N, C-alpha and C. Protein backbone atom coordinates (compact mmCIF):
# COMPACT_ATOMS: atom_id res chain seq x y z
N UNK A 1 144.57 58.38 122.14
CA UNK A 1 144.89 59.55 122.95
C UNK A 1 143.72 59.88 123.87
N UNK A 2 144.00 60.10 125.16
CA UNK A 2 142.96 60.46 126.11
C UNK A 2 142.79 61.97 126.11
N UNK A 3 141.54 62.43 126.02
CA UNK A 3 141.26 63.85 125.96
C UNK A 3 140.73 64.32 127.31
N UNK A 4 141.35 65.35 127.86
CA UNK A 4 140.94 65.89 129.15
C UNK A 4 140.39 67.30 128.97
N UNK A 5 139.45 67.46 128.07
CA UNK A 5 138.91 68.78 127.83
C UNK A 5 137.82 69.11 128.84
N UNK A 6 137.58 70.41 129.03
CA UNK A 6 136.54 70.89 129.92
C UNK A 6 135.40 71.41 129.06
N UNK A 7 134.33 70.63 128.97
CA UNK A 7 133.22 70.96 128.08
C UNK A 7 132.55 72.27 128.46
N UNK A 8 132.75 72.72 129.71
CA UNK A 8 132.12 73.95 130.17
C UNK A 8 132.98 75.19 129.93
N UNK A 9 134.21 75.00 129.54
CA UNK A 9 135.10 76.14 129.32
C UNK A 9 134.65 76.91 128.07
N UNK A 10 134.56 78.24 128.14
CA UNK A 10 134.14 79.01 126.98
C UNK A 10 135.18 78.92 125.86
N UNK A 11 134.70 78.99 124.62
CA UNK A 11 135.58 78.90 123.46
C UNK A 11 135.25 80.03 122.48
N UNK A 12 136.28 80.74 122.07
CA UNK A 12 136.17 81.74 121.02
C UNK A 12 136.90 81.19 119.80
N UNK A 13 136.17 80.94 118.72
CA UNK A 13 136.80 80.45 117.51
C UNK A 13 136.97 81.59 116.52
N UNK A 14 138.14 81.64 115.90
CA UNK A 14 138.41 82.63 114.86
C UNK A 14 138.91 81.88 113.63
N UNK A 15 138.01 81.70 112.68
CA UNK A 15 138.33 81.01 111.44
C UNK A 15 138.51 82.02 110.31
N UNK A 16 139.13 81.55 109.24
CA UNK A 16 139.29 82.42 108.09
C UNK A 16 140.47 81.98 107.24
N UNK A 17 140.61 82.58 106.07
CA UNK A 17 141.69 82.21 105.16
C UNK A 17 143.04 82.74 105.61
N UNK A 18 144.09 82.22 105.01
CA UNK A 18 145.45 82.66 105.31
C UNK A 18 145.61 84.14 104.99
N UNK A 19 146.23 84.88 105.92
CA UNK A 19 146.47 86.30 105.69
C UNK A 19 145.37 87.21 106.15
N UNK A 20 144.33 86.66 106.74
CA UNK A 20 143.21 87.49 107.21
C UNK A 20 143.55 88.19 108.51
N UNK A 21 144.62 87.76 109.17
CA UNK A 21 145.03 88.35 110.43
C UNK A 21 144.57 87.58 111.64
N UNK A 22 143.98 86.42 111.42
CA UNK A 22 143.39 85.66 112.53
C UNK A 22 144.44 85.18 113.53
N UNK A 23 145.65 84.88 113.06
CA UNK A 23 146.69 84.41 113.97
C UNK A 23 147.10 85.49 114.95
N UNK A 24 147.35 86.69 114.44
CA UNK A 24 147.74 87.82 115.29
C UNK A 24 146.62 88.19 116.24
N UNK A 25 145.42 88.29 115.72
CA UNK A 25 144.26 88.65 116.54
C UNK A 25 144.01 87.61 117.63
N UNK A 26 144.09 86.34 117.26
CA UNK A 26 143.84 85.26 118.23
C UNK A 26 144.87 85.26 119.34
N UNK A 27 146.14 85.44 118.97
CA UNK A 27 147.21 85.45 119.96
C UNK A 27 147.04 86.59 120.95
N UNK A 28 146.75 87.79 120.44
CA UNK A 28 146.59 88.95 121.31
C UNK A 28 145.37 88.83 122.21
N UNK A 29 144.28 88.30 121.67
CA UNK A 29 143.08 88.12 122.49
C UNK A 29 143.29 87.08 123.58
N UNK A 30 143.96 85.98 123.23
CA UNK A 30 144.23 84.94 124.24
C UNK A 30 145.07 85.50 125.37
N UNK A 31 146.04 86.33 125.02
CA UNK A 31 146.91 86.94 126.03
C UNK A 31 146.11 87.90 126.90
N UNK A 32 145.26 88.70 126.26
CA UNK A 32 144.45 89.69 126.99
C UNK A 32 143.45 89.01 127.93
N UNK A 33 142.83 87.95 127.45
CA UNK A 33 141.82 87.24 128.25
C UNK A 33 142.43 86.32 129.30
N UNK A 34 143.69 85.94 129.08
CA UNK A 34 144.32 84.96 129.97
C UNK A 34 143.84 83.56 129.67
N UNK A 35 143.40 83.33 128.40
CA UNK A 35 142.90 82.02 127.99
C UNK A 35 143.99 81.23 127.27
N UNK A 36 143.71 79.96 127.08
CA UNK A 36 144.61 79.11 126.31
C UNK A 36 144.48 79.45 124.83
N UNK A 37 145.47 79.07 124.05
CA UNK A 37 145.49 79.39 122.63
C UNK A 37 145.78 78.15 121.80
N UNK A 38 144.98 77.94 120.77
CA UNK A 38 145.20 76.83 119.84
C UNK A 38 145.43 77.38 118.44
N UNK A 39 146.61 77.15 117.91
CA UNK A 39 146.91 77.47 116.52
C UNK A 39 146.77 76.16 115.75
N UNK A 40 145.56 75.88 115.29
CA UNK A 40 145.32 74.59 114.64
C UNK A 40 146.11 74.45 113.35
N UNK A 41 146.35 75.58 112.68
CA UNK A 41 147.12 75.53 111.44
C UNK A 41 148.52 74.99 111.65
N UNK A 42 149.07 75.27 112.84
CA UNK A 42 150.42 74.79 113.15
C UNK A 42 150.46 73.26 113.16
N UNK A 43 149.37 72.63 113.60
CA UNK A 43 149.34 71.17 113.65
C UNK A 43 149.40 70.58 112.24
N UNK A 44 148.70 71.21 111.30
CA UNK A 44 148.74 70.72 109.92
C UNK A 44 150.09 71.03 109.27
N UNK A 45 150.66 72.18 109.60
CA UNK A 45 151.99 72.51 109.08
C UNK A 45 153.03 71.54 109.63
N UNK A 46 152.90 71.19 110.90
CA UNK A 46 153.83 70.24 111.51
C UNK A 46 153.70 68.86 110.87
N UNK A 47 152.47 68.47 110.59
CA UNK A 47 152.25 67.19 109.92
C UNK A 47 152.90 67.19 108.55
N UNK A 48 152.69 68.27 107.80
CA UNK A 48 153.27 68.38 106.46
C UNK A 48 154.80 68.41 106.53
N UNK A 49 155.33 69.16 107.48
CA UNK A 49 156.78 69.27 107.64
C UNK A 49 157.38 67.93 108.02
N UNK A 50 156.68 67.19 108.87
CA UNK A 50 157.14 65.86 109.28
C UNK A 50 157.17 64.92 108.07
N UNK A 51 156.14 64.99 107.24
CA UNK A 51 156.09 64.16 106.04
C UNK A 51 157.23 64.50 105.09
N UNK A 52 157.46 65.79 104.89
CA UNK A 52 158.54 66.22 103.99
C UNK A 52 159.90 65.79 104.51
N UNK A 53 160.12 65.92 105.82
CA UNK A 53 161.42 65.58 106.39
C UNK A 53 161.69 64.09 106.40
N UNK A 54 160.62 63.29 106.42
CA UNK A 54 160.79 61.83 106.43
C UNK A 54 160.59 61.20 105.05
N UNK A 55 160.42 62.04 104.04
CA UNK A 55 160.28 61.51 102.69
C UNK A 55 158.98 60.79 102.44
N UNK A 56 157.96 61.12 103.21
CA UNK A 56 156.64 60.51 103.02
C UNK A 56 155.88 61.32 101.98
N UNK A 57 155.37 60.67 100.98
CA UNK A 57 154.65 61.35 99.90
C UNK A 57 153.38 62.01 100.42
N UNK A 58 153.18 63.27 100.05
CA UNK A 58 151.96 63.98 100.45
C UNK A 58 150.73 63.43 99.75
N UNK A 59 150.94 62.55 98.78
CA UNK A 59 149.82 61.93 98.06
C UNK A 59 149.28 60.69 98.77
N UNK A 60 150.01 60.24 99.80
CA UNK A 60 149.62 59.02 100.52
C UNK A 60 148.87 59.38 101.80
N UNK A 61 147.55 59.47 101.70
CA UNK A 61 146.74 59.91 102.83
C UNK A 61 146.95 59.07 104.09
N UNK A 62 146.94 57.75 103.96
CA UNK A 62 147.05 56.89 105.14
C UNK A 62 148.40 57.05 105.83
N UNK A 63 149.47 57.19 105.06
CA UNK A 63 150.80 57.35 105.65
C UNK A 63 150.92 58.69 106.37
N UNK A 64 150.37 59.73 105.77
CA UNK A 64 150.42 61.05 106.40
C UNK A 64 149.58 61.06 107.67
N UNK A 65 148.46 60.36 107.66
CA UNK A 65 147.59 60.29 108.84
C UNK A 65 148.29 59.61 110.00
N UNK A 66 149.09 58.60 109.72
CA UNK A 66 149.85 57.92 110.77
C UNK A 66 150.84 58.89 111.41
N UNK A 67 151.49 59.69 110.60
CA UNK A 67 152.41 60.70 111.13
C UNK A 67 151.66 61.69 112.01
N UNK A 68 150.47 62.12 111.56
CA UNK A 68 149.67 63.09 112.31
C UNK A 68 149.29 62.54 113.68
N UNK A 69 148.97 61.28 113.73
CA UNK A 69 148.53 60.66 114.98
C UNK A 69 149.66 60.54 115.99
N UNK A 70 150.89 60.44 115.50
CA UNK A 70 152.03 60.21 116.40
C UNK A 70 153.04 61.36 116.40
N UNK A 71 152.60 62.56 116.07
CA UNK A 71 153.50 63.70 116.03
C UNK A 71 154.20 63.91 117.38
N UNK A 72 155.51 64.08 117.33
CA UNK A 72 156.30 64.40 118.52
C UNK A 72 156.55 65.91 118.48
N UNK A 73 155.68 66.67 119.14
CA UNK A 73 155.75 68.13 119.05
C UNK A 73 155.73 68.77 120.43
N UNK A 74 156.26 69.98 120.47
CA UNK A 74 156.23 70.75 121.72
C UNK A 74 156.13 72.23 121.39
N UNK A 75 155.23 72.93 122.08
CA UNK A 75 155.07 74.37 121.90
C UNK A 75 155.68 75.10 123.09
N UNK A 76 156.59 76.02 122.82
CA UNK A 76 157.17 76.85 123.86
C UNK A 76 156.47 78.21 123.77
N UNK A 77 155.45 78.39 124.59
CA UNK A 77 154.62 79.59 124.51
C UNK A 77 155.42 80.84 124.86
N UNK A 78 156.27 80.75 125.85
CA UNK A 78 157.04 81.92 126.29
C UNK A 78 157.96 82.43 125.19
N UNK A 79 158.61 81.53 124.49
CA UNK A 79 159.55 81.92 123.43
C UNK A 79 158.89 82.02 122.06
N UNK A 80 157.66 81.52 121.97
CA UNK A 80 156.98 81.52 120.68
C UNK A 80 157.60 80.54 119.71
N UNK A 81 158.17 79.46 120.25
CA UNK A 81 158.86 78.48 119.43
C UNK A 81 158.08 77.17 119.34
N UNK A 82 158.30 76.44 118.25
CA UNK A 82 157.65 75.15 118.04
C UNK A 82 158.72 74.12 117.72
N UNK A 83 158.62 72.97 118.39
CA UNK A 83 159.62 71.92 118.20
C UNK A 83 158.98 70.67 117.61
N UNK A 84 159.65 70.08 116.63
CA UNK A 84 159.23 68.83 116.02
C UNK A 84 160.34 67.82 116.19
N UNK A 85 160.04 66.74 116.91
CA UNK A 85 161.03 65.70 117.19
C UNK A 85 162.31 66.29 117.79
N UNK A 86 162.12 67.28 118.68
CA UNK A 86 163.23 67.89 119.39
C UNK A 86 163.91 69.04 118.68
N UNK A 87 163.59 69.28 117.41
CA UNK A 87 164.22 70.36 116.65
C UNK A 87 163.31 71.58 116.58
N UNK A 88 163.93 72.76 116.72
CA UNK A 88 163.18 74.01 116.60
C UNK A 88 162.87 74.25 115.13
N UNK A 89 161.57 74.19 114.77
CA UNK A 89 161.17 74.33 113.37
C UNK A 89 160.29 75.58 113.17
N UNK A 90 160.40 76.51 114.11
CA UNK A 90 159.55 77.70 114.07
C UNK A 90 159.64 78.43 112.74
N UNK A 91 160.85 78.63 112.25
CA UNK A 91 161.04 79.37 110.99
C UNK A 91 160.54 78.56 109.80
N UNK A 92 160.88 77.27 109.77
CA UNK A 92 160.44 76.41 108.66
C UNK A 92 158.93 76.32 108.59
N UNK A 93 158.30 76.41 109.73
CA UNK A 93 156.85 76.22 109.82
C UNK A 93 156.09 77.30 109.05
N UNK A 94 156.69 78.47 108.90
CA UNK A 94 155.99 79.60 108.29
C UNK A 94 156.38 79.86 106.84
N UNK A 95 157.12 78.98 106.22
CA UNK A 95 157.49 79.18 104.82
C UNK A 95 156.31 78.88 103.92
N UNK A 96 156.35 79.43 102.70
CA UNK A 96 155.28 79.17 101.74
C UNK A 96 155.24 77.69 101.35
N UNK A 97 156.40 77.05 101.28
CA UNK A 97 156.46 75.64 100.93
C UNK A 97 155.71 74.79 101.95
N UNK A 98 155.96 75.07 103.23
CA UNK A 98 155.27 74.31 104.28
C UNK A 98 153.78 74.62 104.28
N UNK A 99 153.42 75.89 104.06
CA UNK A 99 152.02 76.28 104.03
C UNK A 99 151.25 75.59 102.92
N UNK A 100 151.88 75.52 101.74
CA UNK A 100 151.24 74.85 100.61
C UNK A 100 151.06 73.36 100.88
N UNK A 101 152.09 72.75 101.50
CA UNK A 101 152.02 71.33 101.83
C UNK A 101 150.96 71.07 102.89
N UNK A 102 150.86 71.99 103.85
CA UNK A 102 149.84 71.85 104.90
C UNK A 102 148.44 71.90 104.32
N UNK A 103 148.24 72.77 103.34
CA UNK A 103 146.93 72.88 102.69
C UNK A 103 146.57 71.57 102.01
N UNK A 104 147.55 70.88 101.48
CA UNK A 104 147.29 69.60 100.81
C UNK A 104 146.91 68.52 101.82
N UNK A 105 147.69 68.38 102.89
CA UNK A 105 147.40 67.30 103.84
C UNK A 105 146.13 67.59 104.64
N UNK A 106 145.79 68.88 104.80
CA UNK A 106 144.59 69.23 105.55
C UNK A 106 143.32 68.82 104.82
N UNK A 107 143.44 68.52 103.53
CA UNK A 107 142.28 68.09 102.75
C UNK A 107 141.93 66.63 102.99
N UNK A 108 142.81 65.89 103.65
CA UNK A 108 142.59 64.46 103.88
C UNK A 108 141.72 64.23 105.12
N UNK A 109 140.58 63.55 104.99
CA UNK A 109 139.73 63.25 106.14
C UNK A 109 140.47 62.47 107.23
N UNK A 110 141.33 61.54 106.84
CA UNK A 110 142.04 60.72 107.83
C UNK A 110 142.99 61.57 108.67
N UNK A 111 143.61 62.56 108.06
CA UNK A 111 144.51 63.46 108.79
C UNK A 111 143.72 64.34 109.74
N UNK A 112 142.61 64.88 109.28
CA UNK A 112 141.79 65.74 110.12
C UNK A 112 141.24 64.96 111.32
N UNK A 113 140.86 63.71 111.07
CA UNK A 113 140.37 62.87 112.16
C UNK A 113 141.48 62.60 113.18
N UNK A 114 142.68 62.36 112.68
CA UNK A 114 143.81 62.06 113.57
C UNK A 114 144.13 63.23 114.49
N UNK A 115 143.91 64.45 114.02
CA UNK A 115 144.25 65.64 114.80
C UNK A 115 143.08 66.19 115.60
N UNK A 116 141.88 65.67 115.39
CA UNK A 116 140.69 66.22 116.03
C UNK A 116 140.77 66.16 117.56
N UNK A 117 141.12 65.01 118.09
CA UNK A 117 141.19 64.85 119.55
C UNK A 117 142.25 65.77 120.16
N UNK A 118 143.36 65.92 119.47
CA UNK A 118 144.43 66.80 119.96
C UNK A 118 143.93 68.24 120.08
N UNK A 119 143.17 68.67 119.08
CA UNK A 119 142.67 70.03 119.10
C UNK A 119 141.65 70.24 120.21
N UNK A 120 140.74 69.30 120.37
CA UNK A 120 139.70 69.45 121.40
C UNK A 120 140.28 69.40 122.81
N UNK A 121 141.44 68.79 122.96
CA UNK A 121 142.06 68.70 124.28
C UNK A 121 142.54 70.06 124.79
N UNK A 122 142.61 71.05 123.90
CA UNK A 122 143.03 72.39 124.31
C UNK A 122 141.92 73.12 125.06
N UNK A 123 140.71 72.59 125.04
CA UNK A 123 139.57 73.26 125.70
C UNK A 123 139.60 73.00 127.20
N UNK A 124 140.22 73.91 127.91
CA UNK A 124 140.31 73.81 129.36
C UNK A 124 140.10 75.20 129.96
N UNK A 125 139.75 75.23 131.27
CA UNK A 125 139.54 76.49 131.96
C UNK A 125 140.84 77.30 131.98
N UNK A 126 140.75 78.62 131.95
CA UNK A 126 139.52 79.43 132.02
C UNK A 126 138.81 79.63 130.68
N UNK A 127 139.43 79.22 129.57
CA UNK A 127 138.80 79.37 128.27
C UNK A 127 139.82 79.15 127.17
N UNK A 128 139.34 79.15 125.93
CA UNK A 128 140.21 78.87 124.79
C UNK A 128 139.90 79.79 123.62
N UNK A 129 140.95 80.31 123.00
CA UNK A 129 140.84 81.01 121.73
C UNK A 129 141.42 80.07 120.68
N UNK A 130 140.60 79.65 119.73
CA UNK A 130 141.02 78.66 118.73
C UNK A 130 141.06 79.30 117.35
N UNK A 131 142.22 79.25 116.74
CA UNK A 131 142.46 79.87 115.44
C UNK A 131 142.58 78.78 114.38
N UNK A 132 141.81 78.90 113.29
CA UNK A 132 141.92 77.88 112.25
C UNK A 132 141.01 78.12 111.07
N UNK A 133 140.56 77.02 110.48
CA UNK A 133 139.70 77.08 109.32
C UNK A 133 138.38 76.35 109.52
N UNK A 134 138.36 75.42 110.49
CA UNK A 134 137.10 74.70 110.77
C UNK A 134 136.84 74.61 112.27
N UNK A 135 137.37 75.58 113.03
CA UNK A 135 137.19 75.56 114.48
C UNK A 135 135.71 75.68 114.86
N UNK A 136 134.99 76.58 114.19
CA UNK A 136 133.59 76.80 114.53
C UNK A 136 132.63 75.85 113.86
N UNK A 137 133.07 75.18 112.80
CA UNK A 137 132.17 74.28 112.08
C UNK A 137 132.32 72.83 112.50
N UNK A 138 133.54 72.40 112.81
CA UNK A 138 133.79 70.98 113.09
C UNK A 138 134.37 70.73 114.48
N UNK A 139 135.44 71.42 114.83
CA UNK A 139 136.15 71.11 116.08
C UNK A 139 135.37 71.57 117.30
N UNK A 140 134.85 72.81 117.28
CA UNK A 140 134.08 73.33 118.41
C UNK A 140 132.75 73.90 117.90
N UNK A 141 131.85 73.05 117.44
CA UNK A 141 130.57 73.54 116.90
C UNK A 141 129.70 74.23 117.94
N UNK A 142 129.99 74.00 119.24
CA UNK A 142 129.22 74.63 120.32
C UNK A 142 129.98 75.80 120.93
N UNK A 143 130.92 76.36 120.19
CA UNK A 143 131.73 77.47 120.70
C UNK A 143 130.86 78.62 121.19
N UNK A 144 131.32 79.31 122.20
CA UNK A 144 130.58 80.41 122.79
C UNK A 144 130.44 81.58 121.82
N UNK A 145 131.49 81.86 121.08
CA UNK A 145 131.49 82.93 120.08
C UNK A 145 132.31 82.48 118.88
N UNK A 146 131.74 82.67 117.69
CA UNK A 146 132.43 82.28 116.46
C UNK A 146 132.64 83.50 115.57
N UNK A 147 133.88 83.69 115.16
CA UNK A 147 134.22 84.79 114.26
C UNK A 147 134.78 84.19 112.98
N UNK A 148 134.34 84.70 111.83
CA UNK A 148 134.95 84.32 110.55
C UNK A 148 135.60 85.58 110.02
N UNK A 149 136.93 85.60 110.08
CA UNK A 149 137.71 86.78 109.71
C UNK A 149 138.27 86.62 108.30
N UNK A 150 138.01 87.59 107.46
CA UNK A 150 138.47 87.49 106.08
C UNK A 150 139.05 88.83 105.62
N UNK A 151 139.51 88.88 104.38
CA UNK A 151 140.03 90.09 103.74
C UNK A 151 140.18 89.75 102.27
N UNK A 152 140.33 90.75 101.44
CA UNK A 152 140.48 90.50 100.01
C UNK A 152 141.75 89.71 99.73
N UNK A 153 141.76 88.99 98.62
CA UNK A 153 142.95 88.22 98.24
C UNK A 153 144.16 89.11 98.10
N UNK A 154 143.97 90.28 97.49
CA UNK A 154 145.07 91.21 97.26
C UNK A 154 145.66 91.73 98.58
N UNK A 155 144.79 92.04 99.53
CA UNK A 155 145.27 92.55 100.81
C UNK A 155 145.98 91.45 101.59
N UNK A 156 145.46 90.25 101.54
CA UNK A 156 146.10 89.16 102.26
C UNK A 156 147.46 88.81 101.64
N UNK A 157 147.55 88.90 100.33
CA UNK A 157 148.82 88.65 99.66
C UNK A 157 149.83 89.74 100.01
N UNK A 158 149.37 90.98 100.09
CA UNK A 158 150.27 92.08 100.45
C UNK A 158 150.83 91.88 101.85
N UNK A 159 149.97 91.51 102.79
CA UNK A 159 150.41 91.29 104.17
C UNK A 159 151.44 90.16 104.23
N UNK A 160 151.15 89.07 103.53
CA UNK A 160 152.05 87.92 103.54
C UNK A 160 153.37 88.26 102.87
N UNK A 161 153.32 88.98 101.76
CA UNK A 161 154.54 89.37 101.05
C UNK A 161 155.44 90.23 101.95
N UNK A 162 154.85 91.19 102.64
CA UNK A 162 155.64 92.06 103.51
C UNK A 162 156.23 91.27 104.68
N UNK A 163 155.45 90.31 105.18
CA UNK A 163 155.94 89.46 106.27
C UNK A 163 157.14 88.64 105.82
N UNK A 164 157.05 88.05 104.64
CA UNK A 164 158.16 87.25 104.11
C UNK A 164 159.37 88.12 103.80
N UNK A 165 159.12 89.27 103.21
CA UNK A 165 160.21 90.20 102.88
C UNK A 165 160.96 90.63 104.14
N UNK A 166 160.21 90.97 105.18
CA UNK A 166 160.84 91.40 106.43
C UNK A 166 161.60 90.27 107.11
N UNK A 167 161.22 89.03 106.78
CA UNK A 167 161.91 87.86 107.35
C UNK A 167 163.10 87.43 106.51
N UNK A 168 163.31 88.15 105.41
CA UNK A 168 164.45 87.84 104.56
C UNK A 168 164.20 86.73 103.56
N UNK A 169 162.94 86.39 103.36
CA UNK A 169 162.59 85.33 102.41
C UNK A 169 162.36 85.97 101.03
N UNK A 170 163.10 85.50 100.04
CA UNK A 170 162.99 86.06 98.70
C UNK A 170 161.80 85.53 97.94
N UNK A 171 160.90 86.41 97.54
CA UNK A 171 159.74 86.04 96.74
C UNK A 171 159.18 87.31 96.13
N UNK A 172 158.15 87.19 95.34
CA UNK A 172 157.52 88.37 94.73
C UNK A 172 156.06 88.43 95.14
N UNK A 173 155.49 89.63 95.04
CA UNK A 173 154.08 89.79 95.39
C UNK A 173 153.21 88.91 94.50
N UNK A 174 153.51 88.86 93.21
CA UNK A 174 152.70 88.07 92.28
C UNK A 174 152.72 86.59 92.64
N UNK A 175 153.89 86.10 93.07
CA UNK A 175 153.99 84.69 93.47
C UNK A 175 153.14 84.43 94.71
N UNK A 176 153.19 85.35 95.66
CA UNK A 176 152.42 85.18 96.89
C UNK A 176 150.93 85.25 96.58
N UNK A 177 150.52 86.19 95.73
CA UNK A 177 149.10 86.32 95.38
C UNK A 177 148.61 85.05 94.69
N UNK A 178 149.42 84.51 93.80
CA UNK A 178 149.05 83.28 93.10
C UNK A 178 148.84 82.14 94.09
N UNK A 179 149.72 82.05 95.10
CA UNK A 179 149.61 80.98 96.09
C UNK A 179 148.40 81.21 96.99
N UNK A 180 148.12 82.45 97.33
CA UNK A 180 146.95 82.76 98.16
C UNK A 180 145.67 82.32 97.45
N UNK A 181 145.56 82.64 96.18
CA UNK A 181 144.37 82.28 95.40
C UNK A 181 144.25 80.77 95.27
N UNK A 182 145.38 80.09 95.01
CA UNK A 182 145.36 78.63 94.87
C UNK A 182 144.99 77.96 96.19
N UNK A 183 145.52 78.49 97.29
CA UNK A 183 145.22 77.91 98.59
C UNK A 183 143.76 78.10 98.96
N UNK A 184 143.23 79.28 98.65
CA UNK A 184 141.80 79.53 98.91
C UNK A 184 140.94 78.51 98.17
N UNK A 185 141.30 78.24 96.92
CA UNK A 185 140.54 77.30 96.11
C UNK A 185 140.60 75.90 96.71
N UNK A 186 141.80 75.47 97.13
CA UNK A 186 141.95 74.15 97.74
C UNK A 186 141.16 74.06 99.03
N UNK A 187 141.28 75.08 99.87
CA UNK A 187 140.65 75.04 101.18
C UNK A 187 139.13 75.11 101.13
N UNK A 188 138.59 75.88 100.18
CA UNK A 188 137.14 76.05 100.11
C UNK A 188 136.44 74.95 99.33
N UNK A 189 137.19 74.22 98.50
CA UNK A 189 136.55 73.19 97.67
C UNK A 189 136.80 71.77 98.16
N UNK A 190 137.61 71.60 99.20
CA UNK A 190 137.90 70.25 99.67
C UNK A 190 136.65 69.61 100.27
N UNK A 191 136.60 68.30 100.21
CA UNK A 191 135.44 67.57 100.73
C UNK A 191 135.42 67.55 102.25
N UNK A 192 136.60 67.47 102.85
CA UNK A 192 136.70 67.38 104.31
C UNK A 192 136.84 68.77 104.92
N UNK A 193 135.85 69.18 105.70
CA UNK A 193 135.88 70.44 106.42
C UNK A 193 136.31 71.62 105.56
N UNK A 194 135.55 71.95 104.53
CA UNK A 194 135.92 73.07 103.67
C UNK A 194 135.92 74.39 104.44
N UNK A 195 136.68 75.35 103.93
CA UNK A 195 136.78 76.66 104.56
C UNK A 195 135.50 77.45 104.27
N UNK A 196 134.56 77.38 105.20
CA UNK A 196 133.31 78.13 105.10
C UNK A 196 132.95 78.61 106.50
N UNK A 197 132.26 79.75 106.60
CA UNK A 197 131.85 80.23 107.93
C UNK A 197 130.74 79.37 108.51
N UNK A 198 130.76 79.20 109.82
CA UNK A 198 129.66 78.50 110.50
C UNK A 198 128.39 79.33 110.32
N UNK A 199 127.25 78.68 110.35
CA UNK A 199 125.97 79.38 110.16
C UNK A 199 125.76 80.48 111.20
N UNK A 200 126.31 80.27 112.40
CA UNK A 200 126.12 81.25 113.47
C UNK A 200 127.37 82.07 113.74
N UNK A 201 128.27 82.13 112.75
CA UNK A 201 129.50 82.92 112.91
C UNK A 201 129.27 84.37 112.54
N UNK A 202 130.03 85.25 113.19
CA UNK A 202 130.01 86.67 112.81
C UNK A 202 131.06 86.87 111.72
N UNK A 203 130.66 87.42 110.58
CA UNK A 203 131.58 87.70 109.49
C UNK A 203 132.23 89.05 109.72
N UNK A 204 133.56 89.07 109.67
CA UNK A 204 134.31 90.29 109.92
C UNK A 204 135.37 90.46 108.84
N UNK A 205 135.24 91.50 108.04
CA UNK A 205 136.17 91.77 106.94
C UNK A 205 137.25 92.73 107.43
N UNK A 206 138.50 92.27 107.42
CA UNK A 206 139.61 93.07 107.96
C UNK A 206 140.39 93.82 106.88
N UNK A 207 139.87 93.82 105.64
CA UNK A 207 140.61 94.44 104.54
C UNK A 207 141.03 95.87 104.88
N UNK A 208 140.13 96.64 105.45
CA UNK A 208 140.42 98.05 105.74
C UNK A 208 140.46 98.33 107.24
N UNK A 209 140.70 97.28 108.03
CA UNK A 209 140.75 97.43 109.49
C UNK A 209 142.14 97.12 110.01
N UNK A 210 142.55 97.84 111.04
CA UNK A 210 143.80 97.53 111.72
C UNK A 210 143.56 96.36 112.67
N UNK A 211 144.63 95.80 113.20
CA UNK A 211 144.49 94.72 114.18
C UNK A 211 143.70 95.19 115.39
N UNK A 212 144.02 96.41 115.86
CA UNK A 212 143.31 96.95 117.03
C UNK A 212 141.82 97.11 116.76
N UNK A 213 141.47 97.52 115.55
CA UNK A 213 140.05 97.70 115.21
C UNK A 213 139.32 96.36 115.16
N UNK A 214 139.99 95.33 114.67
CA UNK A 214 139.39 93.99 114.65
C UNK A 214 139.16 93.50 116.08
N UNK A 215 140.17 93.68 116.93
CA UNK A 215 140.06 93.24 118.32
C UNK A 215 138.96 94.02 119.04
N UNK A 216 138.87 95.31 118.78
CA UNK A 216 137.80 96.12 119.40
C UNK A 216 136.42 95.58 119.02
N UNK A 217 136.25 95.20 117.76
CA UNK A 217 134.96 94.67 117.30
C UNK A 217 134.62 93.37 118.00
N UNK A 218 135.62 92.52 118.20
CA UNK A 218 135.38 91.24 118.87
C UNK A 218 135.12 91.46 120.36
N UNK A 219 135.78 92.45 120.95
CA UNK A 219 135.54 92.76 122.36
C UNK A 219 134.08 93.10 122.61
N UNK A 220 133.47 93.81 121.68
CA UNK A 220 132.05 94.17 121.82
C UNK A 220 131.19 92.92 121.94
N UNK A 221 131.49 91.92 121.11
CA UNK A 221 130.73 90.66 121.17
C UNK A 221 130.99 89.93 122.49
N UNK A 222 132.23 89.96 122.93
CA UNK A 222 132.57 89.30 124.20
C UNK A 222 131.86 89.96 125.38
N UNK A 223 131.74 91.29 125.31
CA UNK A 223 131.03 92.01 126.36
C UNK A 223 129.55 91.67 126.37
N UNK A 224 128.96 91.54 125.19
CA UNK A 224 127.54 91.19 125.10
C UNK A 224 127.27 89.83 125.71
N UNK A 225 128.26 88.92 125.59
CA UNK A 225 128.13 87.58 126.16
C UNK A 225 128.57 87.53 127.61
N UNK A 226 128.98 88.69 128.13
CA UNK A 226 129.42 88.80 129.53
C UNK A 226 130.66 87.96 129.83
N UNK A 227 131.49 87.79 128.81
CA UNK A 227 132.74 87.07 129.01
C UNK A 227 133.85 88.01 129.46
N UNK A 228 133.65 89.32 129.23
CA UNK A 228 134.55 90.34 129.74
C UNK A 228 133.71 91.50 130.25
N UNK A 229 134.32 92.33 131.09
CA UNK A 229 133.59 93.45 131.65
C UNK A 229 133.51 94.64 130.71
């Protein structure tokens, strides 16, 4: 794959665990700044979903990596839809089953390598907001501003449970909390790009903050860097 990234384009990375609010915050900031947006988690979810739909075992790293390298995907930014091999998989992409599978395949070095070039290709003018787990440590180590957004396990489980409930997905808070804790353990202990803040990242705890308050805090940093007025 040929990468046409702009090395001079500013990058804001927002890393953190599932349920920290990084997806919502990243989307709103990208829209406000007029920058491009990378939801790196979607790439791993798409890889996992592709493996599940084709009957490829999630235990076979090399086979999953091949799928990752040749993903047939399309993002419809205006509609907020994601397509895999021509099918709209937006709803499937956000299920707990897909999320758990994505956490498994994301632990494979070969899969992460296969998706690395795709992620870096999103770096184009006027700038990029990159949401993920290793954006500031591996994908964009020279990012202009790095945020590590977190929240307590209980708060993140509550947010996810309410999101699933409102979407009509049947589950319980205890089940969601159990999966949040298990996913944190997988993501932070994996050998390939573990979920840890970059040394120069700003740590931001959103447990008791609204989305607007988180965005306001990040705006202050952007102003200090003269990226916004």
